[in-house]
Protein backbone atom coordinates (compact mmCIF):
# COMPACT_ATOMS: atom_id res chain seq x y z
CA MET A 1 104.99 114.32 118.02
CA GLY A 2 101.79 116.12 118.96
CA LYS A 3 102.94 119.73 118.75
CA TRP A 4 104.59 119.08 115.39
CA GLY A 5 101.25 117.88 113.99
CA GLY A 6 99.57 121.14 115.07
CA VAL A 7 102.36 123.21 113.49
CA LEU A 8 102.09 121.30 110.23
CA ASN A 9 98.32 121.70 110.25
CA ALA A 10 98.60 125.44 110.83
CA LYS A 11 101.12 125.82 108.00
CA MET A 12 98.91 123.84 105.61
CA LEU A 13 95.90 125.98 106.59
CA THR A 14 97.89 129.17 106.00
CA LEU A 15 99.04 127.93 102.60
CA ARG A 16 95.49 126.94 101.69
CA LYS A 17 94.28 130.41 102.68
């Protein structure tokens, strides 16, 4: 459940960009 957190964070960052 660690890699999933990174993926979700990256997607949120991309959406915020």
